Amino acid sequence: MPLSNIFVHHVFFWLRNPGSATDRAALIAGLKKLSKAAMIKQFHIGEAAGTNREVIETSYAVSWLLFFDTPADQDLYQTDPIHLLFVKECSPLWSKVVVYDSVDANAPNAPIT
């Protein structure tokens, strides 16, 4: 079933200590706390699936997929105290973060490239 008229925020984390099960568990625990932010519609905490094709990126440790009703909700999330606490507590765990934000390609205000 297609999702429409939502804002998707997908974050990929690389751990500073990639082999540390303790650091991975701490990051996942932090994301579970972060999931309590009221403006999050749905979320998924994941890790690389183990699939192996040239186009698949598997070097990240943990992914954080979020769905918001609007871009404004995602903006509020960025300044929510729960999010700010997560960054403060968990940022020492990661060496790199990459974020992909997307909107519905069929939405009236979707960017045209």
C-alpha atoms as a PDB file:
ATOM      1  CA  MET A   1       0.000   0.000   0.000  1.00  0.00           C
ATOM      2  CA  PRO A   2       1.596   3.292  -1.037  1.00  0.00           C
ATOM      3  CA  LEU A   3       2.272   5.981   1.515  1.00  0.00           C
ATOM      4  CA  SER A   4       1.400   9.464   0.339  1.00  0.00           C
ATOM      5  CA  ASN A   5       1.656  13.029   1.554  1.00  0.00           C
ATOM      6  CA  ILE A   6       4.256  12.251   4.198  1.00  0.00           C
ATOM      7  CA  PHE A   7       7.774  13.424   4.975  1.00  0.00           C
ATOM      8  CA  VAL A   8      10.362  10.634   5.176  1.00  0.00           C
ATOM      9  CA  HIS A   9      13.539  11.127   7.221  1.00  0.00           C
ATOM     10  CA  HIS A  10      16.061   8.266   6.917  1.00  0.00           C
ATOM     11  CA  VAL A  11      19.243   8.436   8.986  1.00  0.00           C
ATOM     12  CA  PHE A  12      22.239   6.108   8.704  1.00  0.00           C
ATOM     13  CA  PHE A  13      24.794   5.857  11.531  1.00  0.00           C
ATOM     14  CA  TRP A  14      28.370   4.575  11.396  1.00  0.00           C
ATOM     15  CA  LEU A  15      29.793   3.745  14.816  1.00  0.00           C
ATOM     16  CA  ARG A  16      33.073   5.212  16.023  1.00  0.00           C
ATOM     17  CA  ASN A  17      33.858   1.688  17.293  1.00  0.00           C
ATOM     18  CA  PRO A  18      32.234  -0.459  14.585  1.00  0.00           C
ATOM     19  CA  GLY A  19      32.863  -3.790  16.304  1.00  0.00           C
ATOM     20  CA  SER A  20      31.415  -2.727  19.638  1.00  0.00           C
ATOM     21  CA  ALA A  21      28.176  -4.539  20.477  1.00  0.00           C
ATOM     22  CA  THR A  22      27.898  -2.282  23.534  1.00  0.00           C
ATOM     23  CA  ASP A  23      27.999   0.902  21.428  1.00  0.00           C
ATOM     24  CA  ARG A  24      25.491  -0.524  18.943  1.00  0.00           C
ATOM     25  CA  ALA A  25      23.140  -1.451  21.804  1.00  0.00           C
ATOM     26  CA  ALA A  26      23.531   2.016  23.351  1.00  0.00           C
ATOM     27  CA  LEU A  27      22.675   3.704  20.046  1.00  0.00           C
ATOM     28  CA  ILE A  28      19.622   1.488  19.570  1.00  0.00           C
ATOM     29  CA  ALA A  29      18.519   2.179  23.153  1.00  0.00           C
ATOM     30  CA  GLY A  30      18.891   5.907  22.472  1.00  0.00           C
ATOM     31  CA  LEU A  31      16.779   5.622  19.322  1.00  0.00           C
ATOM     32  CA  LYS A  32      14.079   3.772  21.251  1.00  0.00           C
ATOM     33  CA  LYS A  33      13.942   6.690  23.718  1.00  0.00           C
ATOM     34  CA  LEU A  34      13.906   9.124  20.789  1.00  0.00           C
ATOM     35  CA  SER A  35      10.911   7.334  19.284  1.00  0.00           C
ATOM     36  CA  LYS A  36       8.791   8.902  22.044  1.00  0.00           C
ATOM     37  CA  ALA A  37       8.902  12.299  20.279  1.00  0.00           C
ATOM     38  CA  ALA A  38       5.239  13.143  19.721  1.00  0.00           C
ATOM     39  CA  MET A  39       5.494  14.293  16.117  1.00  0.00           C
ATOM     40  CA  ILE A  40       6.855  10.977  14.808  1.00  0.00           C
ATOM     41  CA  LYS A  41       4.092   9.167  12.913  1.00  0.00           C
ATOM     42  CA  GLN A  42       5.975   5.868  12.500  1.00  0.00           C
ATOM     43  CA  PHE A  43       9.570   4.698  12.895  1.00  0.00           C
ATOM     44  CA  HIS A  44      11.831   1.758  12.173  1.00  0.00           C
ATOM     45  CA  ILE A  45      15.222   0.960  13.714  1.00  0.00           C
ATOM     46  CA  GLY A  46      17.254  -1.305  11.467  1.00  0.00           C
ATOM     47  CA  GLU A  47      20.635  -2.643  10.502  1.00  0.00           C
ATOM     48  CA  ALA A  48      22.101  -3.858   7.223  1.00  0.00           C
ATOM     49  CA  ALA A  49      20.123  -6.830   5.949  1.00  0.00           C
ATOM     50  CA  GLY A  50      23.069  -8.853   4.732  1.00  0.00           C
ATOM     51  CA  THR A  51      21.987  -8.641   1.105  1.00  0.00           C
ATOM     52  CA  ASN A  52      24.879  -8.502  -1.305  1.00  0.00           C
ATOM     53  CA  ARG A  53      24.631  -6.632  -4.595  1.00  0.00           C
ATOM     54  CA  GLU A  54      26.914  -3.924  -5.939  1.00  0.00           C
ATOM     55  CA  VAL A  55      24.299  -1.182  -5.441  1.00  0.00           C
ATOM     56  CA  ILE A  56      23.559  -1.969  -1.787  1.00  0.00           C
ATOM     57  CA  GLU A  57      25.256   0.071   0.946  1.00  0.00           C
ATOM     58  CA  THR A  58      25.923  -2.125   3.974  1.00  0.00           C
ATOM     59  CA  SER A  59      28.744  -0.358   5.780  1.00  0.00           C
ATOM     60  CA  TYR A  60      26.476   1.500   8.225  1.00  0.00           C
ATOM     61  CA  ALA A  61      25.747   0.134  11.706  1.00  0.00           C
ATOM     62  CA  VAL A  62      22.175   1.299  12.375  1.00  0.00           C
ATOM     63  CA  SER A  63      19.451   3.035  10.381  1.00  0.00           C
ATOM     64  CA  TRP A  64      16.620   5.183  11.710  1.00  0.00           C
ATOM     65  CA  LEU A  65      13.623   5.559   9.393  1.00  0.00           C
ATOM     66  CA  LEU A  66      10.988   8.110  10.366  1.00  0.00           C
ATOM     67  CA  PHE A  67       7.674   9.153   8.898  1.00  0.00           C
ATOM     68  CA  PHE A  68       6.143  12.562   9.633  1.00  0.00           C
ATOM     69  CA  ASP A  69       2.823  14.007   8.512  1.00  0.00           C
ATOM     70  CA  THR A  70       4.450  17.233   7.293  1.00  0.00           C
ATOM     71  CA  PRO A  71       7.847  18.850   6.776  1.00  0.00           C
ATOM     72  CA  ALA A  72       6.899  21.206   9.625  1.00  0.00           C
ATOM     73  CA  ASP A  73       6.567  18.212  11.974  1.00  0.00           C
ATOM     74  CA  GLN A  74      10.072  17.122  11.003  1.00  0.00           C
ATOM     75  CA  ASP A  75      11.326  20.658  11.705  1.00  0.00           C
ATOM     76  CA  LEU A  76       9.736  20.511  15.172  1.00  0.00           C
ATOM     77  CA  TYR A  77      11.353  17.122  15.756  1.00  0.00           C
ATOM     78  CA  GLN A  78      14.803  18.632  15.144  1.00  0.00           C
ATOM     79  CA  THR A  79      14.365  20.994  18.107  1.00  0.00           C
ATOM     80  CA  ASP A  80      12.351  18.671  20.352  1.00  0.00           C
ATOM     81  CA  PRO A  81      14.072  18.245  23.755  1.00  0.00           C
ATOM     82  CA  ILE A  82      13.990  14.445  23.307  1.00  0.00           C
ATOM     83  CA  HIS A  83      15.934  14.793  20.038  1.00  0.00           C
ATOM     84  CA  LEU A  84      18.413  17.265  21.506  1.00  0.00           C
ATOM     85  CA  LEU A  85      19.056  14.923  24.454  1.00  0.00           C
ATOM     86  CA  PHE A  86      19.574  11.997  22.068  1.00  0.00           C
ATOM     87  CA  VAL A  87      22.202  13.961  20.119  1.00  0.00           C
ATOM     88  CA  LYS A  88      23.948  15.012  23.327  1.00  0.00           C
ATOM     89  CA  GLU A  89      24.012  11.492  24.782  1.00  0.00           C
ATOM     90  CA  CYS A  90      24.601   9.421  21.648  1.00  0.00           C
ATOM     91  CA  SER A  91      26.742  11.556  19.319  1.00  0.00           C
ATOM     92  CA  PRO A  92      29.968  10.283  20.932  1.00  0.00           C
ATOM     93  CA  LEU A  93      28.998   6.821  19.635  1.00  0.00           C
ATOM     94  CA  TRP A  94      29.035   7.662  15.932  1.00  0.00           C
ATOM     95  CA  SER A  95      31.753   8.688  13.495  1.00  0.00           C
ATOM     96  CA  LYS A  96      29.445   9.517  10.590  1.00  0.00           C
ATOM     97  CA  VAL A  97      25.776  10.220   9.981  1.00  0.00           C
ATOM     98  CA  VAL A  98      24.065  10.477   6.593  1.00  0.00           C
ATOM     99  CA  VAL A  99      20.478  11.679   6.239  1.00  0.00           C
ATOM    100  CA  TYR A 100      18.087  11.241   3.318  1.00  0.00           C
ATOM    101  CA  ASP A 101      14.886  13.299   3.439  1.00  0.00           C
ATOM    102  CA  SER A 102      12.145  12.807   0.880  1.00  0.00           C
ATOM    103  CA  VAL A 103       8.624  13.952   0.096  1.00  0.00           C
ATOM    104  CA  ASP A 104       5.935  12.370  -2.043  1.00  0.00           C
ATOM    105  CA  ALA A 105       6.874  12.851  -5.714  1.00  0.00           C
ATOM    106  CA  ASN A 106       3.195  13.366  -6.547  1.00  0.00           C
ATOM    107  CA  ALA A 107       2.588  15.995  -3.864  1.00  0.00           C
ATOM    108  CA  PRO A 108       1.442  19.402  -5.157  1.00  0.00           C
ATOM    109  CA  ASN A 109       4.545  21.137  -3.759  1.00  0.00           C
ATOM    110  CA  ALA A 110       7.098  18.466  -4.674  1.00  0.00           C
ATOM    111  CA  PRO A 111      10.306  19.992  -6.032  1.00  0.00           C
ATOM    112  CA  ILE A 112      10.886  19.767  -9.762  1.00  0.00           C
ATOM    113  CA  THR A 113      14.435  19.072 -10.872  1.00  0.00           C
END
